[in-house]
N, C-alpha and C. Protein backbone atom coordinates (compact mmCIF):
# COMPACT_ATOMS: atom_id res chain seq x y z
N UNK A 1 104.37 65.90 120.14
CA UNK A 1 105.43 66.73 119.61
C UNK A 1 105.37 68.13 120.21
N UNK A 2 104.16 68.58 120.63
CA UNK A 2 104.04 69.87 121.30
C UNK A 2 104.83 69.89 122.60
N UNK A 3 104.99 68.73 123.24
CA UNK A 3 105.69 68.62 124.51
C UNK A 3 107.19 68.46 124.32
N UNK A 4 107.66 68.53 123.07
CA UNK A 4 109.07 68.43 122.74
C UNK A 4 109.66 67.06 123.10
N UNK A 5 108.87 65.99 122.93
CA UNK A 5 109.38 64.64 123.12
C UNK A 5 110.28 64.29 121.95
N UNK A 6 111.25 63.41 122.21
CA UNK A 6 112.04 62.91 121.09
C UNK A 6 111.21 61.90 120.31
N UNK A 7 111.75 61.38 119.23
CA UNK A 7 110.98 60.50 118.35
C UNK A 7 110.54 59.23 119.09
N UNK A 8 111.36 58.73 120.02
CA UNK A 8 110.97 57.55 120.78
C UNK A 8 109.80 57.88 121.72
N UNK A 9 109.86 59.03 122.36
CA UNK A 9 108.76 59.46 123.23
C UNK A 9 107.47 59.63 122.45
N UNK A 10 107.56 60.20 121.26
CA UNK A 10 106.38 60.36 120.40
C UNK A 10 105.83 58.98 120.02
N UNK A 11 106.72 58.04 119.71
CA UNK A 11 106.27 56.69 119.37
C UNK A 11 105.54 56.04 120.54
N UNK A 12 106.08 56.14 121.74
CA UNK A 12 105.43 55.55 122.91
C UNK A 12 104.06 56.18 123.14
N UNK A 13 103.98 57.50 123.03
CA UNK A 13 102.68 58.18 123.21
C UNK A 13 101.69 57.77 122.13
N UNK A 14 102.15 57.66 120.89
CA UNK A 14 101.26 57.24 119.80
C UNK A 14 100.80 55.80 120.01
N UNK A 15 101.71 54.94 120.44
CA UNK A 15 101.37 53.53 120.68
C UNK A 15 100.36 53.40 121.81
N UNK A 16 100.61 54.10 122.91
CA UNK A 16 99.69 54.07 124.05
C UNK A 16 98.31 54.57 123.63
N UNK A 17 98.28 55.64 122.85
CA UNK A 17 97.00 56.19 122.39
C UNK A 17 96.27 55.19 121.50
N UNK A 18 97.00 54.56 120.61
CA UNK A 18 96.38 53.65 119.64
C UNK A 18 95.89 52.35 120.28
N UNK A 19 96.64 51.81 121.23
CA UNK A 19 96.30 50.48 121.75
C UNK A 19 95.86 50.48 123.21
N UNK A 20 95.94 51.62 123.87
CA UNK A 20 95.67 51.66 125.31
C UNK A 20 94.27 51.25 125.71
N UNK A 21 93.26 51.78 125.04
CA UNK A 21 91.88 51.47 125.40
C UNK A 21 91.55 50.01 125.15
N UNK A 22 91.94 49.49 124.00
CA UNK A 22 91.69 48.08 123.68
C UNK A 22 92.47 47.15 124.59
N UNK A 23 93.68 47.54 124.94
CA UNK A 23 94.48 46.73 125.86
C UNK A 23 93.82 46.66 127.23
N UNK A 24 93.39 47.80 127.74
CA UNK A 24 92.71 47.82 129.03
C UNK A 24 91.44 46.97 128.99
N UNK A 25 90.66 47.13 127.93
CA UNK A 25 89.44 46.32 127.76
C UNK A 25 89.76 44.84 127.78
N UNK A 26 90.76 44.43 126.97
CA UNK A 26 91.11 43.01 126.90
C UNK A 26 91.60 42.48 128.24
N UNK A 27 92.39 43.28 128.96
CA UNK A 27 92.86 42.85 130.28
C UNK A 27 91.69 42.69 131.24
N UNK A 28 90.74 43.63 131.21
CA UNK A 28 89.57 43.52 132.08
C UNK A 28 88.71 42.30 131.72
N UNK A 29 88.67 41.96 130.44
CA UNK A 29 87.92 40.79 129.99
C UNK A 29 88.67 39.48 130.25
N UNK A 30 89.96 39.58 130.52
CA UNK A 30 90.77 38.37 130.65
C UNK A 30 91.11 37.76 129.30
N UNK A 31 91.06 38.58 128.26
CA UNK A 31 91.36 38.14 126.91
C UNK A 31 92.84 38.40 126.63
N UNK A 32 93.67 37.41 126.97
CA UNK A 32 95.10 37.56 126.80
C UNK A 32 95.66 36.42 125.97
N UNK A 33 96.76 36.67 125.26
CA UNK A 33 97.40 37.97 125.11
C UNK A 33 96.46 38.94 124.40
N UNK A 34 96.65 40.21 124.70
CA UNK A 34 95.79 41.25 124.15
C UNK A 34 95.99 41.33 122.63
N UNK A 35 94.99 41.89 121.96
CA UNK A 35 94.92 41.89 120.50
C UNK A 35 96.18 42.29 119.77
N UNK A 36 96.79 43.41 120.15
CA UNK A 36 97.95 43.89 119.41
C UNK A 36 99.16 42.98 119.57
N UNK A 37 99.19 42.19 120.64
CA UNK A 37 100.30 41.25 120.83
C UNK A 37 100.19 40.05 119.90
N UNK A 38 98.99 39.78 119.43
CA UNK A 38 98.77 38.65 118.53
C UNK A 38 99.06 39.02 117.08
N UNK A 39 99.09 40.32 116.79
CA UNK A 39 99.30 40.77 115.42
C UNK A 39 100.17 42.02 115.45
N UNK A 40 101.46 41.89 115.18
CA UNK A 40 102.37 43.04 115.29
C UNK A 40 102.12 44.14 114.26
N UNK A 41 101.18 43.93 113.32
CA UNK A 41 100.90 44.96 112.32
C UNK A 41 100.47 46.26 113.00
N UNK A 42 99.80 46.18 114.16
CA UNK A 42 99.39 47.39 114.87
C UNK A 42 100.60 48.23 115.28
N UNK A 43 101.62 47.59 115.78
CA UNK A 43 102.84 48.30 116.19
C UNK A 43 103.52 48.90 114.96
N UNK A 44 103.56 48.15 113.87
CA UNK A 44 104.18 48.65 112.64
C UNK A 44 103.42 49.84 112.06
N UNK A 45 102.09 49.78 112.13
CA UNK A 45 101.29 50.91 111.64
C UNK A 45 101.55 52.17 112.47
N UNK A 46 101.63 52.02 113.77
CA UNK A 46 101.91 53.18 114.63
C UNK A 46 103.32 53.69 114.33
N UNK A 47 104.28 52.81 114.22
CA UNK A 47 105.65 53.22 113.89
C UNK A 47 105.69 53.96 112.56
N UNK A 48 105.01 53.43 111.55
CA UNK A 48 104.95 54.10 110.25
C UNK A 48 104.31 55.46 110.34
N UNK A 49 103.22 55.57 111.11
CA UNK A 49 102.54 56.86 111.28
C UNK A 49 103.44 57.86 111.99
N UNK A 50 104.19 57.40 112.98
CA UNK A 50 105.09 58.31 113.70
C UNK A 50 106.20 58.79 112.78
N UNK A 51 106.79 57.88 112.02
CA UNK A 51 107.86 58.28 111.10
C UNK A 51 107.31 59.27 110.07
N UNK A 52 106.16 58.97 109.49
CA UNK A 52 105.54 59.86 108.52
C UNK A 52 105.27 61.23 109.14
N UNK A 53 104.69 61.23 110.34
CA UNK A 53 104.37 62.49 111.01
C UNK A 53 105.63 63.26 111.37
N UNK A 54 106.66 62.55 111.79
CA UNK A 54 107.92 63.21 112.15
C UNK A 54 108.55 63.88 110.92
N UNK A 55 108.53 63.18 109.81
CA UNK A 55 109.12 63.73 108.58
C UNK A 55 108.30 64.90 108.05
N UNK A 56 106.99 64.77 108.08
CA UNK A 56 106.10 65.78 107.50
C UNK A 56 105.36 66.60 108.56
N UNK A 57 105.99 66.80 109.71
CA UNK A 57 105.31 67.45 110.84
C UNK A 57 104.79 68.85 110.52
N UNK A 58 105.47 69.60 109.69
CA UNK A 58 104.98 70.95 109.38
C UNK A 58 103.67 70.89 108.60
N UNK A 59 103.50 69.87 107.78
CA UNK A 59 102.24 69.70 107.04
C UNK A 59 101.14 69.12 107.94
N UNK A 60 101.54 68.19 108.80
CA UNK A 60 100.57 67.53 109.67
C UNK A 60 99.93 68.54 110.63
N UNK A 61 100.71 69.48 111.11
CA UNK A 61 100.17 70.50 112.02
C UNK A 61 99.03 71.30 111.39
N UNK A 62 99.03 71.41 110.08
CA UNK A 62 98.00 72.16 109.37
C UNK A 62 96.72 71.34 109.17
N UNK A 63 96.75 70.08 109.55
CA UNK A 63 95.62 69.18 109.30
C UNK A 63 94.76 68.96 110.54
N UNK A 64 94.65 69.93 111.40
CA UNK A 64 93.91 69.77 112.66
C UNK A 64 92.46 69.33 112.42
N UNK A 65 91.81 69.92 111.44
CA UNK A 65 90.41 69.57 111.18
C UNK A 65 90.31 68.12 110.70
N UNK A 66 91.20 67.72 109.82
CA UNK A 66 91.20 66.33 109.33
C UNK A 66 91.50 65.36 110.47
N UNK A 67 92.44 65.71 111.33
CA UNK A 67 92.79 64.86 112.46
C UNK A 67 91.60 64.71 113.39
N UNK A 68 90.88 65.79 113.60
CA UNK A 68 89.67 65.73 114.43
C UNK A 68 88.66 64.77 113.83
N UNK A 69 88.46 64.84 112.53
CA UNK A 69 87.49 63.96 111.88
C UNK A 69 87.91 62.49 112.00
N UNK A 70 89.20 62.20 111.80
CA UNK A 70 89.67 60.83 111.94
C UNK A 70 89.55 60.34 113.38
N UNK A 71 89.84 61.20 114.34
CA UNK A 71 89.69 60.83 115.74
C UNK A 71 88.23 60.53 116.06
N UNK A 72 87.34 61.34 115.54
CA UNK A 72 85.92 61.16 115.79
C UNK A 72 85.40 59.87 115.17
N UNK A 73 85.84 59.57 113.96
CA UNK A 73 85.49 58.29 113.34
C UNK A 73 86.06 57.14 114.17
N UNK A 74 87.28 57.31 114.65
CA UNK A 74 87.93 56.27 115.45
C UNK A 74 87.19 55.98 116.74
N UNK A 75 86.82 57.03 117.49
CA UNK A 75 86.13 56.74 118.76
C UNK A 75 84.76 56.11 118.51
N UNK A 76 84.11 56.51 117.43
CA UNK A 76 82.81 55.92 117.11
C UNK A 76 82.97 54.43 116.79
N UNK A 77 83.92 54.11 115.95
CA UNK A 77 84.16 52.73 115.55
C UNK A 77 84.60 51.88 116.73
N UNK A 78 85.57 52.36 117.51
CA UNK A 78 86.11 51.56 118.61
C UNK A 78 85.12 51.41 119.77
N UNK A 79 84.19 52.34 119.89
CA UNK A 79 83.13 52.16 120.89
C UNK A 79 82.33 50.92 120.56
N UNK A 80 81.89 50.81 119.33
CA UNK A 80 81.03 49.69 118.94
C UNK A 80 81.81 48.39 118.87
N UNK A 81 83.02 48.42 118.36
CA UNK A 81 83.83 47.19 118.32
C UNK A 81 84.15 46.70 119.72
N UNK A 82 84.47 47.62 120.63
CA UNK A 82 84.73 47.23 122.01
C UNK A 82 83.50 46.67 122.70
N UNK A 83 82.37 47.29 122.44
CA UNK A 83 81.10 46.81 122.97
C UNK A 83 80.80 45.41 122.46
N UNK A 84 81.00 45.19 121.16
CA UNK A 84 80.73 43.87 120.58
C UNK A 84 81.66 42.80 121.17
N UNK A 85 82.91 43.15 121.39
CA UNK A 85 83.83 42.17 121.98
C UNK A 85 83.38 41.81 123.39
N UNK A 86 82.97 42.80 124.16
CA UNK A 86 82.49 42.54 125.52
C UNK A 86 81.22 41.70 125.49
N UNK A 87 80.32 41.98 124.55
CA UNK A 87 79.09 41.19 124.43
C UNK A 87 79.41 39.73 124.15
N UNK A 88 80.45 39.48 123.37
CA UNK A 88 80.84 38.11 123.04
C UNK A 88 81.26 37.33 124.29
N UNK A 89 81.61 38.03 125.34
CA UNK A 89 81.99 37.39 126.60
C UNK A 89 80.78 37.12 127.50
N UNK A 90 79.59 37.53 127.03
CA UNK A 90 78.37 37.25 127.77
C UNK A 90 78.16 38.11 129.00
N UNK A 91 78.77 39.28 129.02
CA UNK A 91 78.63 40.18 130.17
C UNK A 91 77.33 40.97 130.08
N UNK A 92 76.97 41.62 131.18
CA UNK A 92 75.75 42.41 131.21
C UNK A 92 75.88 43.58 130.23
N UNK A 93 74.77 44.03 129.67
CA UNK A 93 74.81 45.16 128.74
C UNK A 93 75.47 46.41 129.35
N UNK A 94 75.23 46.67 130.62
CA UNK A 94 75.83 47.85 131.27
C UNK A 94 77.35 47.77 131.24
N UNK A 95 77.90 46.62 131.59
CA UNK A 95 79.35 46.44 131.59
C UNK A 95 79.89 46.52 130.16
N UNK A 96 79.15 45.97 129.22
CA UNK A 96 79.58 46.01 127.81
C UNK A 96 79.63 47.44 127.29
N UNK A 97 78.65 48.25 127.66
CA UNK A 97 78.66 49.66 127.27
C UNK A 97 79.89 50.35 127.86
N UNK A 98 80.15 50.11 129.13
CA UNK A 98 81.32 50.72 129.77
C UNK A 98 82.61 50.30 129.07
N UNK A 99 82.72 49.03 128.71
CA UNK A 99 83.93 48.56 128.04
C UNK A 99 84.05 49.11 126.62
N UNK A 100 82.92 49.37 125.97
CA UNK A 100 82.96 50.04 124.67
C UNK A 100 83.53 51.44 124.80
N UNK A 101 83.09 52.16 125.82
CA UNK A 101 83.60 53.52 126.05
C UNK A 101 85.08 53.48 126.43
N UNK A 102 85.47 52.52 127.27
CA UNK A 102 86.88 52.36 127.64
C UNK A 102 87.73 52.10 126.39
N UNK A 103 87.25 51.22 125.52
CA UNK A 103 87.99 50.90 124.29
C UNK A 103 88.26 52.14 123.46
N UNK A 104 87.27 53.01 123.38
CA UNK A 104 87.37 54.18 122.51
C UNK A 104 88.16 55.32 123.12
N UNK A 105 88.15 55.45 124.44
CA UNK A 105 88.66 56.69 125.04
C UNK A 105 89.89 56.54 125.93
N UNK A 106 90.15 55.35 126.45
CA UNK A 106 91.19 55.26 127.47
C UNK A 106 92.60 55.26 126.94
N UNK A 107 92.81 55.02 125.64
CA UNK A 107 94.13 55.24 125.08
C UNK A 107 94.52 56.70 125.21
N UNK A 108 93.56 57.59 124.93
CA UNK A 108 93.79 59.02 125.09
C UNK A 108 93.97 59.43 126.54
N UNK A 109 93.23 58.78 127.44
CA UNK A 109 93.38 59.08 128.87
C UNK A 109 94.79 58.72 129.33
N UNK A 110 95.25 57.53 128.95
CA UNK A 110 96.60 57.10 129.35
C UNK A 110 97.64 58.06 128.78
N UNK A 111 97.48 58.43 127.50
CA UNK A 111 98.41 59.37 126.87
C UNK A 111 98.43 60.69 127.63
N UNK A 112 97.26 61.22 127.93
CA UNK A 112 97.18 62.52 128.61
C UNK A 112 97.78 62.46 130.00
N UNK A 113 97.54 61.38 130.73
CA UNK A 113 98.11 61.24 132.07
C UNK A 113 99.63 61.17 131.98
N UNK A 114 100.16 60.39 131.03
CA UNK A 114 101.61 60.28 130.88
C UNK A 114 102.25 61.61 130.49
N UNK A 115 101.52 62.43 129.76
CA UNK A 115 102.08 63.73 129.34
C UNK A 115 101.62 64.87 130.24
N UNK A 116 101.06 64.54 131.38
CA UNK A 116 100.60 65.49 132.40
C UNK A 116 99.57 66.49 131.89
N UNK A 117 98.73 66.03 130.98
CA UNK A 117 97.60 66.84 130.49
C UNK A 117 96.35 66.38 131.23
N UNK A 118 95.39 67.27 131.36
CA UNK A 118 94.09 66.88 131.86
C UNK A 118 93.41 66.07 130.76
N UNK A 119 93.02 64.81 131.05
CA UNK A 119 92.43 63.98 129.99
C UNK A 119 91.20 64.62 129.35
N UNK A 120 91.10 64.45 128.05
CA UNK A 120 90.02 65.05 127.27
C UNK A 120 88.65 64.65 127.81
N UNK A 121 88.50 63.40 128.25
CA UNK A 121 87.17 62.98 128.71
C UNK A 121 86.78 63.64 130.02
N UNK A 122 87.71 64.30 130.69
CA UNK A 122 87.40 65.01 131.93
C UNK A 122 87.29 66.52 131.73
N UNK A 123 87.41 66.96 130.49
CA UNK A 123 87.28 68.37 130.18
C UNK A 123 85.85 68.67 129.74
N UNK A 124 85.62 69.88 129.34
CA UNK A 124 84.28 70.33 128.98
C UNK A 124 83.70 69.63 127.75
N UNK A 125 84.53 69.21 126.83
CA UNK A 125 84.04 68.69 125.56
C UNK A 125 83.21 67.42 125.73
N UNK A 126 82.22 67.28 124.88
CA UNK A 126 81.45 66.04 124.83
C UNK A 126 82.27 65.04 124.03
N UNK A 127 82.70 63.99 124.70
CA UNK A 127 83.60 63.01 124.09
C UNK A 127 83.15 61.60 124.49
N UNK A 128 83.41 61.22 125.71
CA UNK A 128 83.01 59.89 126.18
C UNK A 128 81.49 59.76 126.23
N UNK A 129 80.80 60.85 126.51
CA UNK A 129 79.33 60.79 126.56
C UNK A 129 78.74 60.51 125.18
N UNK A 130 79.40 60.97 124.12
CA UNK A 130 78.95 60.62 122.76
C UNK A 130 79.11 59.12 122.53
N UNK A 131 80.20 58.56 123.03
CA UNK A 131 80.43 57.12 122.92
C UNK A 131 79.37 56.35 123.71
N UNK A 132 79.05 56.86 124.88
CA UNK A 132 78.04 56.22 125.73
C UNK A 132 76.69 56.16 125.01
N UNK A 133 76.28 57.27 124.41
CA UNK A 133 75.02 57.32 123.67
C UNK A 133 75.04 56.32 122.52
N UNK A 134 76.14 56.29 121.77
CA UNK A 134 76.25 55.37 120.65
C UNK A 134 76.20 53.91 121.07
N UNK A 135 76.85 53.59 122.19
CA UNK A 135 76.85 52.21 122.68
C UNK A 135 75.45 51.77 123.10
N UNK A 136 74.75 52.64 123.83
CA UNK A 136 73.39 52.32 124.25
C UNK A 136 72.48 52.19 123.02
N UNK A 137 72.64 53.09 122.08
CA UNK A 137 71.85 53.03 120.85
C UNK A 137 72.09 51.72 120.11
N UNK A 138 73.34 51.27 120.07
CA UNK A 138 73.64 49.99 119.42
C UNK A 138 72.87 48.86 120.09
N UNK A 139 72.89 48.81 121.41
CA UNK A 139 72.19 47.75 122.13
C UNK A 139 70.70 47.74 121.80
N UNK A 140 70.12 48.92 121.69
CA UNK A 140 68.69 49.03 121.40
C UNK A 140 68.40 48.67 119.95
N UNK A 141 69.13 49.25 119.02
CA UNK A 141 68.83 49.06 117.59
C UNK A 141 69.25 47.69 117.08
N UNK A 142 70.21 47.06 117.72
CA UNK A 142 70.67 45.74 117.31
C UNK A 142 69.52 44.73 117.34
N UNK A 143 68.64 44.89 118.29
CA UNK A 143 67.51 43.96 118.43
C UNK A 143 66.51 44.11 117.28
N UNK A 144 66.42 45.31 116.72
CA UNK A 144 65.42 45.58 115.70
C UNK A 144 65.99 45.63 114.28
N UNK A 145 67.20 46.11 114.16
CA UNK A 145 67.76 46.34 112.83
C UNK A 145 68.83 45.33 112.42
N UNK A 146 69.33 44.56 113.37
CA UNK A 146 70.42 43.64 113.08
C UNK A 146 71.77 44.29 113.33
N UNK A 147 72.76 43.46 113.42
CA UNK A 147 74.10 43.87 113.82
C UNK A 147 74.72 44.94 112.93
N UNK A 148 74.71 44.72 111.63
CA UNK A 148 75.40 45.63 110.72
C UNK A 148 74.73 46.99 110.62
N UNK A 149 73.42 47.02 110.51
CA UNK A 149 72.71 48.30 110.43
C UNK A 149 72.85 49.05 111.75
N UNK A 150 72.71 48.33 112.86
CA UNK A 150 72.86 48.97 114.17
C UNK A 150 74.25 49.56 114.33
N UNK A 151 75.24 48.85 113.83
CA UNK A 151 76.62 49.33 113.91
C UNK A 151 76.79 50.64 113.13
N UNK A 152 76.31 50.67 111.91
CA UNK A 152 76.43 51.87 111.07
C UNK A 152 75.69 53.04 111.71
N UNK A 153 74.46 52.80 112.15
CA UNK A 153 73.66 53.86 112.76
C UNK A 153 74.34 54.40 114.02
N UNK A 154 74.82 53.50 114.86
CA UNK A 154 75.45 53.92 116.12
C UNK A 154 76.75 54.68 115.89
N UNK A 155 77.54 54.22 114.95
CA UNK A 155 78.79 54.92 114.62
C UNK A 155 78.48 56.32 114.10
N UNK A 156 77.48 56.42 113.25
CA UNK A 156 77.11 57.74 112.71
C UNK A 156 76.61 58.67 113.82
N UNK A 157 75.86 58.14 114.77
CA UNK A 157 75.35 58.96 115.87
C UNK A 157 76.49 59.47 116.74
N UNK A 158 77.44 58.60 117.09
CA UNK A 158 78.60 59.05 117.88
C UNK A 158 79.33 60.16 117.11
N UNK A 159 79.58 59.92 115.84
CA UNK A 159 80.27 60.90 115.00
C UNK A 159 79.53 62.23 114.98
N UNK A 160 78.24 62.19 114.75
CA UNK A 160 77.45 63.43 114.65
C UNK A 160 77.35 64.17 115.98
N UNK A 161 77.18 63.43 117.07
CA UNK A 161 77.13 64.09 118.38
C UNK A 161 78.44 64.82 118.64
N UNK A 162 79.55 64.13 118.42
CA UNK A 162 80.86 64.74 118.66
C UNK A 162 81.09 65.94 117.73
N UNK A 163 80.76 65.77 116.47
CA UNK A 163 80.94 66.85 115.49
C UNK A 163 80.13 68.08 115.87
N UNK A 164 78.83 67.90 116.14
CA UNK A 164 77.99 69.04 116.50
C UNK A 164 78.36 69.62 117.86
N UNK A 165 78.80 68.78 118.78
CA UNK A 165 79.19 69.28 120.10
C UNK A 165 80.39 70.21 120.00
N UNK A 166 81.37 69.82 119.19
CA UNK A 166 82.55 70.68 119.03
C UNK A 166 82.20 71.93 118.24
N UNK A 167 81.46 71.74 117.16
CA UNK A 167 81.09 72.88 116.31
C UNK A 167 80.25 73.91 117.07
N UNK A 168 79.34 73.45 117.92
CA UNK A 168 78.42 74.34 118.62
C UNK A 168 78.81 74.61 120.08
N UNK A 169 79.98 74.13 120.48
CA UNK A 169 80.50 74.35 121.83
C UNK A 169 79.57 73.81 122.91
N UNK A 170 78.98 72.64 122.66
CA UNK A 170 78.15 72.00 123.67
C UNK A 170 79.06 71.40 124.72
N UNK A 171 78.58 71.36 125.95
CA UNK A 171 79.35 70.70 127.00
C UNK A 171 78.39 70.19 128.06
N UNK A 172 78.92 69.35 128.92
CA UNK A 172 78.17 68.83 130.06
C UNK A 172 78.78 69.36 131.36
N UNK A 173 79.36 70.52 131.27
CA UNK A 173 80.09 71.09 132.40
C UNK A 173 79.15 71.47 133.54
N UNK A 174 79.60 71.13 134.73
CA UNK A 174 78.91 71.58 135.93
C UNK A 174 79.43 72.96 136.26
N UNK A 175 78.56 73.82 136.73
CA UNK A 175 79.01 75.14 137.14
C UNK A 175 79.84 75.05 138.40
N UNK A 176 80.68 76.04 138.60
CA UNK A 176 81.52 76.09 139.79
C UNK A 176 80.64 76.54 140.95
N UNK A 177 80.67 75.75 142.02
CA UNK A 177 79.87 76.08 143.19
C UNK A 177 80.77 76.80 144.18
N UNK A 178 80.36 77.97 144.56
CA UNK A 178 81.14 78.75 145.54
C UNK A 178 80.38 78.69 146.86
N UNK A 179 81.12 78.48 147.90
CA UNK A 179 80.39 78.36 149.14
C UNK A 179 81.17 78.79 150.28
């Protein structure tokens, strides 16, 4: 809405953000039709969210902190769910970790590219790297704690890394080299 898109443009951007990472993961896995095509409730939820946001946009703009928290919970959850789906295909742990990160972050990358923004995962903020840590932690703790405990622990770690990184202005930025 900051880019002055009409309601259809906002819907497309919201849809791409919501399903882009999982769609890319499923296509890379050869899992077709992709998840959201099998259950249209995802499209309806995005449509409902867009309509709600469009109607109440002045209130939604004031909820930046809440939106950040929901986004952080989302990337944490989708990292682990994407990783688990990739593991079910019997792929190497390295590839599964990468697909977990793709699931969590590439909807935002596609959205940012379409709206000519520099994608968040390429900026200073710790974002995809938090997902990477959580995915690796899941692989390690799953062997010792079991699937459900490892999932909760890993999701919490992604959430906390992202939360503290934003709060404390942590980054993985390389300095500019002048030569």
